[in-house]
Protein backbone atom coordinates (compact mmCIF):
# COMPACT_ATOMS: atom_id res chain seq x y z
CA MET A 1 116.91 155.09 166.32
CA ALA A 2 118.19 152.36 164.26
CA ALA A 3 117.72 152.91 160.35
CA ASP A 4 115.07 151.03 159.02
CA ARG A 5 115.73 148.62 155.61
CA ASN A 6 114.09 151.13 153.39
CA GLU A 7 116.61 153.90 154.47
CA ILE A 8 119.65 151.39 153.98
CA ASP A 9 120.31 150.84 150.29
CA ILE A 10 121.11 147.70 150.12
CA PRO A 11 119.12 144.96 148.60
CA SER A 12 118.40 141.53 149.51
CA ALA A 13 118.56 138.68 147.98
CA SER A 14 115.79 137.90 145.87
CA LYS A 15 115.86 134.66 144.93
CA ALA A 16 115.89 132.78 148.22
CA SER A 17 113.11 130.96 150.37
CA TYR A 18 112.77 133.29 152.57
CA PRO A 19 111.85 136.89 152.65
CA VAL A 20 113.07 140.02 155.00
CA ARG A 21 111.37 139.86 158.48
CA SER A 22 111.27 143.02 160.45
CA GLY A 23 111.15 143.00 164.23
CA ASN A 24 113.94 140.98 165.02
CA ARG A 25 116.32 141.20 168.00
CA ILE A 26 120.06 140.04 166.85
CA LYS A 27 123.01 139.77 169.74
CA PRO A 28 126.56 139.26 168.89
CA LEU A 29 127.84 136.32 170.45
CA ILE A 30 131.95 136.50 170.04
CA ASP A 31 133.88 133.64 170.72
CA GLY A 32 133.34 130.03 171.39
CA GLU A 33 133.50 130.17 175.21
CA SER A 34 131.03 133.09 175.65
CA ALA A 35 128.69 131.97 172.37
CA PHE A 36 128.41 128.37 173.75
CA ARG A 37 127.81 129.39 177.70
CA ARG A 38 125.14 131.07 176.22
CA VAL A 39 123.69 128.63 173.96
CA CYS A 40 123.79 126.03 177.19
CA GLU A 41 122.02 128.71 179.49
CA ALA A 42 119.63 128.91 176.77
CA ILE A 43 118.98 124.90 176.79
CA GLU A 44 118.81 124.64 180.01
CA GLN A 45 115.85 126.87 180.10
CA ALA A 46 114.49 125.98 177.13
CA GLN A 47 110.61 124.26 177.85
CA HIS A 48 109.99 122.61 174.58
CA SER A 49 112.49 121.93 172.68
CA VAL A 50 116.06 121.61 170.97
CA TRP A 51 116.74 121.61 167.77
CA VAL A 52 120.59 121.66 165.96
CA THR A 53 122.45 120.82 163.12
CA ILE A 54 126.25 120.02 163.22
CA THR A 55 128.89 119.43 161.09
CA PHE A 56 132.38 118.83 163.31
CA MET A 57 131.57 117.68 166.73
CA TRP A 58 135.26 116.86 168.48
CA ALA A 59 135.30 113.79 171.07
CA ALA A 60 137.40 116.19 172.81
CA CYS A 61 135.15 119.41 173.07
CA ARG A 62 133.81 120.47 176.36
CA MET A 63 131.12 122.87 176.80
CA PRO A 64 131.91 125.97 179.56
CA ASP A 65 131.38 125.84 183.09
CA GLY A 66 132.29 122.23 183.86
CA ARG A 67 129.23 120.99 181.60
CA GLY A 68 130.79 118.40 179.64
CA SER A 69 130.65 117.39 176.16
CA PRO A 70 127.73 118.89 173.96
CA LEU A 71 125.59 114.81 173.68
CA ASP A 72 125.71 115.44 177.98
CA VAL A 73 124.46 118.94 177.70
CA LEU A 74 122.21 117.93 175.13
CA ASN A 75 121.31 114.46 176.98
CA ARG A 76 120.23 116.28 180.34
CA ALA A 77 117.91 117.96 178.33
CA ALA A 78 116.16 115.33 176.42
CA ALA A 79 116.42 113.45 180.24
CA ARG A 80 114.02 115.81 181.19
CA GLY A 81 111.60 115.32 178.60
CA LEU A 82 112.08 117.78 175.67
CA ASP A 83 111.84 116.94 172.00
CA VAL A 84 116.46 116.66 171.33
CA ARG A 85 117.41 116.70 167.88
CA ILE A 86 120.34 117.19 165.64
CA ILE A 87 121.63 116.68 162.34
CA PHE A 88 124.93 115.32 161.55
CA TRP A 89 126.58 115.65 158.40
CA ARG A 90 127.52 112.10 157.18
CA PRO A 91 130.84 112.15 155.34
CA ASP A 92 131.26 110.39 151.40
CA THR A 93 134.19 108.80 150.15
CA GLU A 94 135.74 112.18 148.31
CA THR A 95 135.10 113.53 152.19
CA GLU A 96 136.11 110.73 153.80
CA HIS A 97 139.52 112.72 155.43
CA LEU A 98 136.91 114.99 157.09
CA LYS A 99 135.08 112.24 159.50
CA THR A 100 137.75 111.83 162.20
CA ASN A 101 136.06 115.34 163.33
CA ALA A 102 132.85 114.06 162.96
CA PHE A 103 129.96 112.07 164.72
CA TRP A 104 128.69 110.41 161.22
CA GLY A 105 127.33 107.40 162.68
CA ALA A 106 130.53 105.64 163.28
CA PRO A 107 129.81 101.88 165.46
CA GLU A 108 131.62 103.76 167.97
CA HIS A 109 129.09 106.35 167.82
CA PHE A 110 126.06 104.24 168.52
CA ASP A 111 127.90 102.52 171.08
CA GLN A 112 128.62 106.05 172.95
CA LEU A 113 124.38 107.09 172.43
CA ARG A 114 123.27 103.20 173.73
CA ARG A 115 125.44 103.67 177.07
CA SER A 116 124.70 107.27 177.57
CA ALA A 117 120.48 106.15 177.44
CA SER A 118 120.14 109.16 175.23
CA ASN A 119 116.65 109.63 174.15
CA ILE A 120 118.08 112.38 171.52
CA ARG A 121 116.33 112.12 168.22
CA ILE A 122 118.82 111.67 165.26
CA ARG A 123 119.11 112.06 161.86
CA TRP A 124 122.46 111.31 159.47
CA ASP A 125 122.48 113.49 155.99
CA ARG A 126 124.99 113.39 152.94
CA ALA A 127 125.63 116.57 150.69
CA LYS A 128 126.12 116.89 147.26
CA PRO A 129 129.36 114.43 146.78
CA GLY A 130 132.92 115.99 147.71
CA TYR A 131 130.75 118.72 149.73
CA CYS A 132 129.64 119.19 153.19
CA GLN A 133 126.69 119.83 155.66
CA HIS A 134 128.17 122.74 156.56
CA GLN A 135 125.39 124.28 158.79
CA LYS A 136 125.52 125.16 162.18
CA SER A 137 122.09 126.40 164.25
CA TRP A 138 120.41 125.83 167.50
CA LEU A 139 116.49 126.54 167.95
CA ILE A 140 115.48 126.39 171.01
CA ASP A 141 111.65 125.93 171.74
CA ALA A 142 110.89 125.47 167.67
CA GLY A 143 107.29 127.10 167.25
CA TYR A 144 106.77 129.12 170.42
CA ALA A 145 106.56 132.41 171.31
CA ALA A 146 110.22 132.35 173.24
CA GLU A 147 111.83 130.82 170.17
CA THR A 148 115.06 131.82 170.03
CA ALA A 149 117.99 130.78 167.39
CA PHE A 150 121.50 130.95 167.72
CA LEU A 151 123.76 130.64 163.97
CA GLY A 152 127.32 131.06 162.96
CA GLY A 153 130.40 129.50 162.12
CA ILE A 154 131.72 127.87 165.58
CA ASN A 155 132.45 124.36 165.44
CA LEU A 156 132.17 121.91 168.09
CA ASN A 157 135.93 122.00 168.30
CA PRO A 158 137.93 122.52 171.58
CA HIS A 159 140.01 125.06 169.68
CA SER A 160 137.13 126.73 169.52
CA VAL A 161 134.89 126.60 172.90
CA VAL A 162 137.82 128.15 174.91
CA ALA A 163 139.15 130.35 172.59
CA SER A 164 139.25 133.70 173.51
CA GLY A 165 141.37 136.52 170.58
CA HIS A 166 143.02 138.16 173.61
CA ARG A 167 144.53 134.70 174.24
CA GLY A 168 147.17 133.39 172.44
CA ALA A 169 147.92 129.91 172.84
CA ARG A 170 148.60 128.60 169.50
CA GLY A 171 145.78 126.55 167.69
CA GLN A 172 142.83 128.64 168.71
CA ASN A 173 140.33 130.25 166.88
CA HIS A 174 138.73 133.08 166.50
CA ASP A 175 134.22 133.25 165.28
CA VAL A 176 130.98 134.36 165.63
CA TYR A 177 127.69 133.32 166.55
CA ILE A 178 124.88 135.57 166.60
CA GLU A 179 121.91 134.97 169.16
CA LEU A 180 118.16 135.88 167.01
CA ALA A 181 114.56 136.65 168.33
CA GLY A 182 111.66 137.04 166.30
CA PRO A 183 110.03 136.47 163.11
CA SER A 184 113.04 135.16 161.27
CA THR A 185 113.24 132.15 163.73
CA ALA A 186 110.61 130.64 162.19
CA ASP A 187 112.93 130.24 158.42
CA VAL A 188 115.91 128.98 161.12
CA HIS A 189 112.52 126.01 161.91
CA HIS A 190 111.47 126.09 158.57
CA ASN A 191 115.39 124.78 157.31
CA PHE A 192 115.82 122.55 160.30
CA VAL A 193 112.29 120.94 159.36
CA GLN A 194 113.13 120.87 155.56
CA ARG A 195 116.29 119.10 155.87
CA TRP A 196 115.39 117.12 158.80
CA ASN A 197 112.09 115.66 156.44
CA GLU A 198 114.49 114.85 153.47
CA ALA A 199 118.13 114.05 155.69
CA SER A 200 119.37 111.50 152.89
CA GLU A 201 120.26 108.49 155.43
CA ARG A 202 117.01 108.37 157.29
CA HIS A 203 115.94 105.10 155.60
CA LEU A 204 119.13 103.55 156.30
CA ALA A 205 119.73 101.12 159.43
CA ASP A 206 122.53 103.17 160.67
CA GLY A 207 121.05 106.57 159.34
CA HIS A 208 118.83 107.35 162.75
CA TRP A 209 118.77 107.19 166.36
CA GLY A 210 116.00 107.58 168.92
CA GLU A 211 112.77 106.82 169.77
CA GLY A 212 110.65 109.00 167.27
CA SER A 213 113.62 109.58 164.73
CA THR A 214 111.76 108.02 161.82
CA SER A 215 108.80 110.56 162.16
CA GLU A 216 109.00 113.56 160.04
CA LEU A 217 108.08 117.27 161.33
CA PRO A 218 105.20 119.33 160.50
CA PHE A 219 106.39 122.67 158.88
CA PRO A 220 105.89 125.86 160.63
CA THR A 221 102.63 128.02 160.46
CA GLY A 222 103.09 131.00 162.36
CA LEU A 223 105.81 133.34 163.29
CA PRO A 224 106.38 134.80 166.32
CA GLY A 225 106.00 137.93 167.64
CA ILE A 226 108.03 141.11 167.23
CA ARG A 227 111.30 140.71 169.65
CA GLY A 228 113.03 143.93 168.39
CA ASN A 229 113.79 146.43 165.68
CA THR A 230 115.92 144.88 163.34
CA SER A 231 115.30 142.99 159.62
CA VAL A 232 116.52 140.04 159.17
CA GLN A 233 116.80 137.49 155.67
CA ILE A 234 117.69 133.61 156.61
CA GLN A 235 120.09 133.05 154.01
CA ARG A 236 121.16 129.20 152.17
CA THR A 237 123.32 128.01 149.96
CA ILE A 238 121.28 124.36 148.88
CA SER A 239 122.77 122.06 145.92
CA ASP A 240 120.47 121.08 143.75
CA GLY A 241 118.81 118.06 143.66
CA ARG A 242 118.97 117.23 147.43
CA LEU A 243 115.53 118.45 148.64
CA PHE A 244 112.31 118.64 147.08
CA ASN A 245 109.68 119.99 148.95
CA ASP A 246 108.93 123.60 148.41
CA HIS A 247 106.08 123.98 151.17
CA ALA A 248 106.29 127.46 151.72
CA ALA A 249 107.49 129.03 155.13
CA PRO A 250 105.07 130.96 157.15
CA GLN A 251 103.75 134.28 155.00
CA GLY A 252 106.42 133.51 152.67
CA SER A 253 106.10 132.12 148.96
CA ALA A 254 107.19 128.41 147.52
CA TYR A 255 110.39 128.36 146.47
CA PRO A 256 111.31 125.28 144.14
CA ILE A 257 114.40 124.36 146.57
CA TYR A 258 115.21 120.76 144.11
CA GLU A 259 116.87 123.77 142.17
CA GLY A 260 119.75 124.70 144.78
CA GLU A 261 119.67 128.30 146.66
CA ARG A 262 122.62 130.59 146.36
CA SER A 263 121.10 133.63 148.20
CA ASN A 264 124.17 133.79 150.24
CA PHE A 265 126.56 134.31 147.28
CA GLU A 266 123.89 137.04 145.71
CA GLN A 267 123.26 138.67 148.62
CA TYR A 268 127.87 139.15 149.22
CA CYS A 269 127.98 140.31 145.88
CA ALA A 270 124.69 142.62 146.13
CA ALA A 271 125.84 143.85 149.45
CA ILE A 272 129.45 144.54 148.24
CA ARG A 273 128.31 146.96 145.55
CA ALA A 274 125.95 148.83 147.24
CA ALA A 275 129.18 150.12 149.66
CA LEU A 276 129.46 153.73 149.70
CA ARG A 277 131.86 153.84 152.68
CA SER A 278 133.28 150.84 154.29
CA ILE A 279 133.33 147.04 154.45
CA TYR A 280 134.66 145.20 157.14
CA MET A 281 135.20 141.41 157.16
CA GLU A 282 136.47 138.09 158.80
CA ASN A 283 136.14 134.71 156.75
CA GLN A 284 138.14 131.40 156.84
CA TYR A 285 138.57 131.84 152.91
CA ILE A 286 138.30 134.38 150.35
CA THR A 287 139.03 132.82 146.97
CA VAL A 288 136.17 133.47 145.09
CA PRO A 289 136.96 136.09 141.21
CA GLU A 290 133.59 137.00 141.71
CA ILE A 291 133.55 138.56 145.54
CA ILE A 292 137.54 139.50 144.77
CA ASP A 293 136.26 141.74 142.01
CA SER A 294 133.53 143.22 143.10
CA LEU A 295 136.00 143.86 146.25
CA ARG A 296 138.00 145.78 143.66
CA HIS A 297 135.18 147.87 142.33
CA ALA A 298 134.47 149.49 145.60
CA LEU A 299 137.82 150.23 146.68
CA SER A 300 138.47 151.52 143.01
CA ARG A 301 135.09 153.58 144.29
CA GLY A 302 136.93 154.58 147.51
CA VAL A 303 135.32 152.42 149.95
CA GLU A 304 137.26 151.46 152.85
CA ILE A 305 138.00 147.88 153.24
CA VAL A 306 138.98 145.25 155.98
CA ALA A 307 139.59 142.05 155.67
CA VAL A 308 140.66 139.81 158.26
CA VAL A 309 141.91 136.32 157.29
CA PRO A 310 144.12 133.70 159.35
CA ALA A 311 147.75 134.90 158.77
CA GLU A 312 148.94 131.16 158.45
CA GLY A 313 146.30 130.65 155.71
CA ASP A 314 146.91 130.59 151.34
CA ILE A 315 146.55 133.76 150.65
CA PRO A 316 144.85 134.44 146.77
CA ASP A 317 147.23 136.21 144.76
CA ALA A 318 144.07 138.28 143.59
CA LEU A 319 143.63 139.05 146.92
CA SER A 320 147.08 139.75 147.91
CA GLU A 321 146.97 142.36 145.06
CA LEU A 322 143.96 144.62 146.50
CA LYS A 323 146.90 145.62 148.69
CA ALA A 324 147.53 147.83 145.96
CA PHE A 325 145.04 150.17 146.87
CA GLU A 326 145.67 152.07 149.78
CA ARG A 327 142.08 151.47 151.38
CA PHE A 328 142.84 147.98 151.37
CA THR A 329 143.84 146.69 154.98
CA LEU A 330 144.09 142.50 154.80
CA ALA A 331 144.71 141.53 158.38
CA GLY A 332 145.37 138.80 160.82
CA ILE A 333 145.10 137.93 164.67
CA ALA A 334 147.36 136.55 166.84
CA GLY A 335 147.45 136.72 170.45
CA LEU A 336 150.46 136.91 173.93
CA ASP A 337 151.07 133.32 174.96
CA GLU A 338 152.27 132.05 178.33
CA ASP A 339 156.32 132.97 177.07
CA GLY A 340 154.80 136.85 176.17
CA LYS A 341 155.22 135.94 172.33
CA ARG A 342 152.46 136.31 169.79
CA SER A 343 150.81 133.38 168.36
CA SER A 344 148.66 133.25 165.48
CA VAL A 345 144.44 132.57 166.31
CA TRP A 346 143.26 131.07 163.20
CA VAL A 347 139.62 133.19 161.99
CA HIS A 348 137.09 131.18 161.54
CA SER A 349 134.60 133.36 161.75
CA LYS A 350 132.31 134.40 158.09
CA LEU A 351 130.61 137.33 158.43
CA MET A 352 130.92 141.51 156.72
CA ILE A 353 129.83 144.77 157.48
CA VAL A 354 129.20 147.02 155.15
CA ASP A 355 128.66 151.04 156.04
CA GLY A 356 128.33 150.30 159.36
CA GLU A 357 124.52 149.59 158.95
CA TRP A 358 124.01 146.27 157.42
CA GLY A 359 125.17 142.85 157.65
CA THR A 360 125.92 139.26 157.82
CA VAL A 361 127.04 136.49 160.24
CA GLY A 362 126.58 132.84 159.23
CA SER A 363 128.61 129.10 158.24
CA CYS A 364 129.70 130.47 154.75
CA ASN A 365 133.09 130.99 153.80
CA LEU A 366 133.61 132.77 150.35
CA HIS A 367 135.02 129.80 148.84
CA ARG A 368 133.14 128.13 145.62
CA HIS A 369 132.41 125.03 148.00
CA SER A 370 130.44 127.44 150.57
CA LEU A 371 128.25 129.34 147.91
CA PHE A 372 128.08 126.39 145.61
CA GLY A 373 127.61 123.58 146.71
CA ASN A 374 127.90 123.45 150.48
CA CYS A 375 124.68 123.20 152.45
CA GLU A 376 125.46 126.74 154.41
CA LEU A 377 123.30 129.15 156.52
CA ASN A 378 123.50 132.93 156.35
CA ALA A 379 121.55 136.15 158.76
CA ALA A 380 121.92 139.04 157.33
CA PHE A 381 120.51 141.95 158.84
CA TRP A 382 119.42 145.54 157.78
CA CYS A 383 119.58 147.93 161.24
CA LYS A 384 122.78 150.17 162.23
CA GLU A 385 122.37 149.36 165.67
CA THR A 386 122.68 145.94 165.37
CA ALA A 387 125.43 146.18 162.30
CA ARG A 388 127.42 148.77 165.03
CA ALA A 389 127.27 146.51 167.79
CA LEU A 390 128.59 143.52 166.56
CA GLN A 391 131.45 145.96 165.09
CA ASP A 392 132.37 147.79 167.73
CA GLU A 393 132.57 144.88 169.64
CA LEU A 394 134.94 142.63 166.97
CA LEU A 395 137.07 146.12 166.60
CA HIS A 396 137.49 146.28 170.59
CA GLU A 397 138.69 142.39 170.79
CA HIS A 398 141.30 143.06 168.13
CA LEU A 399 142.45 146.74 168.81
CA GLY A 400 142.16 146.40 172.53
CA LEU A 401 140.52 149.63 172.52
CA SER A 402 136.89 151.20 172.10
CA VAL A 403 135.28 152.92 168.63
CA THR A 404 132.19 153.42 169.34
CA GLU A 405 132.81 157.69 169.44
CA LEU A 406 133.88 156.89 165.94
CA ASP A 407 131.81 156.36 162.40
CA ASP A 408 132.48 153.27 160.54
CA LEU A 409 135.19 155.29 158.48
CA ALA A 410 136.86 156.36 161.41
CA ALA A 411 136.75 153.35 162.84
CA LEU A 412 138.49 151.19 160.65
CA GLN A 413 140.94 153.42 159.77
CA LEU A 414 141.87 153.31 163.14
CA PHE A 415 142.12 149.64 162.41
CA LYS A 416 145.01 149.93 159.37
CA LYS A 417 146.89 152.08 160.91
CA ILE A 418 147.07 150.21 164.36
CA ALA A 419 147.48 146.93 162.44
CA ARG A 420 150.10 148.83 160.48
CA SER A 421 151.90 149.79 163.35
CA ASN A 422 151.54 146.18 164.92
CA ARG A 423 153.21 145.17 161.98
CA LEU A 424 156.42 146.63 162.09
CA LEU A 425 156.12 145.50 166.17
CA PHE A 426 155.64 142.04 164.40
CA GLU A 427 158.66 142.12 162.44
CA SER A 428 160.95 143.78 164.76
CA GLY A 429 160.51 140.53 167.34
CA ASP A 430 158.67 143.22 169.43
CA SER A 431 155.17 141.62 171.06
CA ARG A 432 154.01 145.17 172.98
CA TRP A 433 150.94 145.21 170.82
CA GLN A 434 148.32 147.55 170.51
CA GLY A 435 145.51 145.10 170.63
CA ILE A 436 145.71 141.46 168.44
CA ALA A 437 145.60 142.53 165.21
CA TYR A 438 148.45 143.17 162.20
CA SER A 439 148.30 144.05 158.78
CA LEU A 440 149.82 140.72 156.57
């Protein structure tokens, strides 16, 4: 039986918009192809609505199985009468360089919408200057019994949607979504309404699209029914002075959102401090001193830690220094290319699993932008079955073998052994590895 939150001694975020809610079901979706196949299936089965928050959307992105572009999928849903809404990020002058792969409301983007006779409703939203509206979420049938949410770190990037950790084409990404059903989807719903109603560009002529896009949405008033046995808290990073309506989520308390929210940061620190045996984490960036210091203290207590990061990225000196601990493994992943050579796969996922009992998945990198300035969305969960299902699936991909018979500590110790062995093979030019993980 899955452990209840009260049996797992990892505190939740105390200063947060949303409470911990029991009765949820979480399904891990590893890498973009499988994740967006499932998202598309849910959109095609939707009866009422599809609401999406998007940061980046490459023009070349195509959904799995010949479904066309993301807008093709959403246009088809709108054409059959569903309420389809998107909140797109609009970069500012300080983030101008990121416009290339964003659907930010340029004249050519409006031309594209007109050519497709799109019935989608869109609002554009800026972040605090220099920061990003970085949430990635898909909400199906908001407010109905079958309400389902998808959230994580995967952008609408052709290198992400087709990527699998077992492949080795240069430039591919490894990433993770979760599928969430149950009472906590009401908080994903609340987040969307709060952002939609206060999207920064909503009053501008080029700040919205579609009939009905100028109307505000009502906040959710009830919770979906129980769908599983996982306790979940939806957590965010929100800059101060961006949102002002502190309307409470169903059965929750009003939160002063105009002050900002840093529940992602609070939760990461609390979970690392509470770790007793093991920490498994994947993140594109691990640079915040408070996080690295917390990891150092955990290692000093004897906690086994595996951190999977981009092999070709810049590794902060403070993170590299943790390699002085025998119980710390810093690893990357590399698949086999068509020539039988190893090519690095970019780690874009943002997740952590503690003691095989608690986890978090979302959009939040462990750098200062994501923890203190961007708009981010994570789901933290308390459930041994859910945490182990996610960890086992990730390690099966990275190690090329099953770890389901091992406890969380033994699984990470095996990861360390294989990653170090693969490192020796990497240095000798031998591509015949066990799995795709290697120590850095």
